[in-house]
Amino acid sequence: MQQDEKYMREALREAQAAMADGEIPIGAVVVWKGRIIGRGHNMTERLRDTTAHAEMVAITAATEAMGGKYLNDCALYVTVEPCPMCAGALAWAQMGEVVYGAPDPRRGYSLFSPSLLHPRTSARGGILSEECAALMLQFFNDKR
C-alpha cells in the first residue's frame, strides 16, 4: 500500500502540472522494477490533440525508455480511471497492472464488458481516490 500511495502521489504531481497548464488534471506514471520510466499528464489543449491523455503520454515515454512496445512487466498509476481509448492503448501495450485513484462513472473503461484491458492486465482502483477526485472537482468548479 505504501508503494501504491508513493506512485499515486507522483501521478498527482503530474495532474497538478496539467491543472497549472489549464488542462483537465489527470496525471499518470509508469513504473518498472520500482523505477518511474514514463510520466504524463493531459496535454489535449496544449497539443490540440484529443488523444493526448495522460496515459497515452506516459505510455509513449515508457515504451521509449524500454525500447519496445510491450509493458507487461510495468504498472501504470493514473489519478482517474482510464477512458476506453486509453484502456485500448493499455491493452495493446500489454500493461501488466493498472492502478487508478478516482473512478469515472460516466466515461471509465469499467463500464464496458468484457474488459477493454488486456486479459493478463490486473486492475484496481481507489488509491488516494479522495485526493484524485478533489482535484477534478476543484478544476471543474473553477471553470464554472
Protein backbone atom coordinates (compact mmCIF):
# COMPACT_ATOMS: atom_id res chain seq x y z
CA MET A 1 0.00 0.00 0.00
CA GLN A 2 2.87 2.40 0.72
CA GLN A 3 4.27 1.81 -2.77
CA ASP A 4 0.84 2.44 -4.29
CA GLU A 5 0.50 5.73 -2.45
CA LYS A 6 4.06 6.75 -3.35
CA TYR A 7 3.46 6.30 -7.07
CA MET A 8 -0.06 7.75 -6.97
CA ARG A 9 1.40 10.88 -5.36
CA GLU A 10 3.74 11.12 -8.36
CA ALA A 11 0.73 10.82 -10.65
CA LEU A 12 -0.98 13.56 -8.60
CA ARG A 13 2.04 15.81 -9.20
CA GLU A 14 1.54 15.27 -12.91
CA ALA A 15 -2.17 16.07 -12.54
CA GLN A 16 -1.31 19.32 -10.75
CA ALA A 17 1.03 20.23 -13.62
CA ALA A 18 -1.87 19.64 -16.03
CA MET A 19 -4.13 21.88 -13.97
CA ALA A 20 -1.47 24.61 -13.89
CA ASP A 21 -1.48 24.46 -17.72
CA GLY A 22 -5.29 24.74 -17.86
CA GLU A 23 -5.69 21.06 -18.73
CA ILE A 24 -8.08 18.60 -17.10
CA PRO A 25 -6.00 17.47 -14.09
CA ILE A 26 -5.20 13.85 -14.79
CA GLY A 27 -1.69 12.51 -14.31
CA ALA A 28 -0.01 9.17 -14.85
CA VAL A 29 3.29 7.40 -14.23
CA VAL A 30 4.57 4.05 -15.48
CA VAL A 31 6.68 2.05 -13.04
CA TRP A 32 9.10 -0.75 -13.87
CA LYS A 33 11.05 -2.57 -11.15
CA GLY A 34 10.49 0.24 -8.66
CA ARG A 35 11.56 2.98 -11.07
CA ILE A 36 9.39 5.53 -12.89
CA ILE A 37 10.11 5.14 -16.60
CA GLY A 38 7.26 7.24 -18.00
CA ARG A 39 5.33 10.28 -16.89
CA GLY A 40 2.46 12.16 -18.41
CA HIS A 41 -0.42 14.50 -17.84
CA ASN A 42 -3.25 15.64 -20.06
CA MET A 43 -1.98 17.79 -22.91
CA THR A 44 -5.02 17.87 -25.18
CA GLU A 45 -5.34 21.67 -25.15
CA ARG A 46 -1.63 22.39 -25.44
CA LEU A 47 -1.09 19.99 -28.33
CA ARG A 48 -4.58 20.44 -29.83
CA ASP A 49 -4.75 16.66 -29.86
CA THR A 50 -7.75 14.85 -28.41
CA THR A 51 -5.63 11.71 -27.94
CA ALA A 52 -3.02 13.41 -25.71
CA HIS A 53 -4.39 11.94 -22.48
CA ALA A 54 -2.09 11.42 -19.50
CA GLU A 55 -1.99 7.66 -20.01
CA MET A 56 -1.08 7.98 -23.70
CA VAL A 57 1.77 10.40 -22.93
CA ALA A 58 3.08 8.13 -20.15
CA ILE A 59 2.84 5.00 -22.35
CA THR A 60 4.82 6.72 -25.11
CA ALA A 61 7.54 7.77 -22.65
CA ALA A 62 7.68 4.29 -21.11
CA THR A 63 7.93 2.41 -24.41
CA GLU A 64 10.73 4.76 -25.44
CA ALA A 65 12.55 4.05 -22.15
CA MET A 66 12.03 0.29 -22.53
CA GLY A 67 13.00 0.24 -26.19
CA GLY A 68 9.91 -1.73 -27.14
CA LYS A 69 6.15 -1.54 -27.38
CA TYR A 70 5.19 -4.01 -24.63
CA LEU A 71 4.93 -3.01 -20.98
CA ASN A 72 3.82 -6.33 -19.47
CA ASP A 73 6.26 -6.01 -16.53
CA CYS A 74 5.12 -2.46 -15.76
CA ALA A 75 2.40 -0.78 -13.72
CA LEU A 76 0.52 2.37 -14.70
CA TYR A 77 -0.62 4.66 -11.90
CA VAL A 78 -3.23 7.17 -13.01
CA THR A 79 -5.32 9.60 -10.98
CA VAL A 80 -8.62 8.83 -12.71
CA GLU A 81 -9.93 5.57 -14.18
CA PRO A 82 -8.82 5.35 -17.82
CA CYS A 83 -11.26 6.05 -20.63
CA PRO A 84 -11.98 3.40 -23.29
CA MET A 85 -9.38 4.87 -25.68
CA CYS A 86 -6.65 4.70 -23.06
CA ALA A 87 -7.74 1.22 -21.96
CA GLY A 88 -7.37 0.10 -25.56
CA ALA A 89 -3.86 1.55 -25.73
CA LEU A 90 -3.03 -0.14 -22.42
CA ALA A 91 -4.26 -3.42 -23.89
CA TRP A 92 -2.08 -3.04 -26.99
CA ALA A 93 0.91 -2.22 -24.76
CA GLN A 94 0.03 -5.28 -22.65
CA MET A 95 0.41 -3.23 -19.45
CA GLY A 96 0.93 -5.58 -16.52
CA GLU A 97 -1.08 -3.61 -13.99
CA VAL A 98 -3.33 -0.55 -13.92
CA VAL A 99 -3.82 1.28 -10.63
CA TYR A 100 -6.14 4.27 -10.57
CA GLY A 101 -7.31 6.77 -8.00
CA ALA A 102 -10.84 8.03 -8.61
CA PRO A 103 -13.40 6.03 -10.61
CA ASP A 104 -15.00 7.61 -13.66
CA PRO A 105 -18.66 6.50 -13.52
CA ARG A 106 -19.51 8.36 -16.76
CA ARG A 107 -16.63 7.55 -19.10
CA GLY A 108 -14.45 4.92 -17.43
CA TYR A 109 -13.35 1.74 -19.17
CA SER A 110 -15.03 -0.41 -16.49
CA LEU A 111 -18.43 0.47 -17.97
CA PHE A 112 -17.65 -1.98 -20.78
CA SER A 113 -17.83 -5.73 -20.67
CA PRO A 114 -15.81 -7.69 -21.50
CA SER A 115 -12.95 -5.59 -20.16
CA LEU A 116 -11.12 -3.38 -22.64
CA LEU A 117 -7.82 -4.14 -20.91
CA HIS A 118 -5.51 -6.97 -21.93
CA PRO A 119 -6.67 -10.29 -20.38
CA ARG A 120 -3.46 -10.54 -18.31
CA THR A 121 -3.64 -6.97 -17.02
CA SER A 122 -4.63 -6.67 -13.38
CA ALA A 123 -6.52 -3.54 -12.38
CA ARG A 124 -7.62 -1.92 -9.16
CA GLY A 125 -8.85 1.48 -8.09
CA GLY A 126 -9.35 3.60 -5.03
CA ILE A 127 -5.75 4.58 -4.26
CA LEU A 128 -5.89 8.13 -2.85
CA SER A 129 -9.28 8.39 -4.53
CA GLU A 130 -10.46 11.34 -2.45
CA GLU A 131 -7.41 13.44 -3.34
CA CYS A 132 -7.68 12.49 -7.01
CA ALA A 133 -11.40 13.29 -7.14
CA ALA A 134 -10.93 16.57 -5.24
CA LEU A 135 -8.51 17.83 -7.87
CA MET A 136 -11.05 17.12 -10.61
CA LEU A 137 -13.86 18.78 -8.64
CA GLN A 138 -11.71 21.84 -8.00
CA PHE A 139 -10.85 22.15 -11.69
CA PHE A 140 -14.44 21.95 -12.89
CA ASN A 141 -15.75 24.19 -10.10
CA ASP A 142 -13.17 26.82 -11.09
CA LYS A 143 -14.35 26.59 -14.71
CA ARG A 144 -17.94 27.38 -13.72
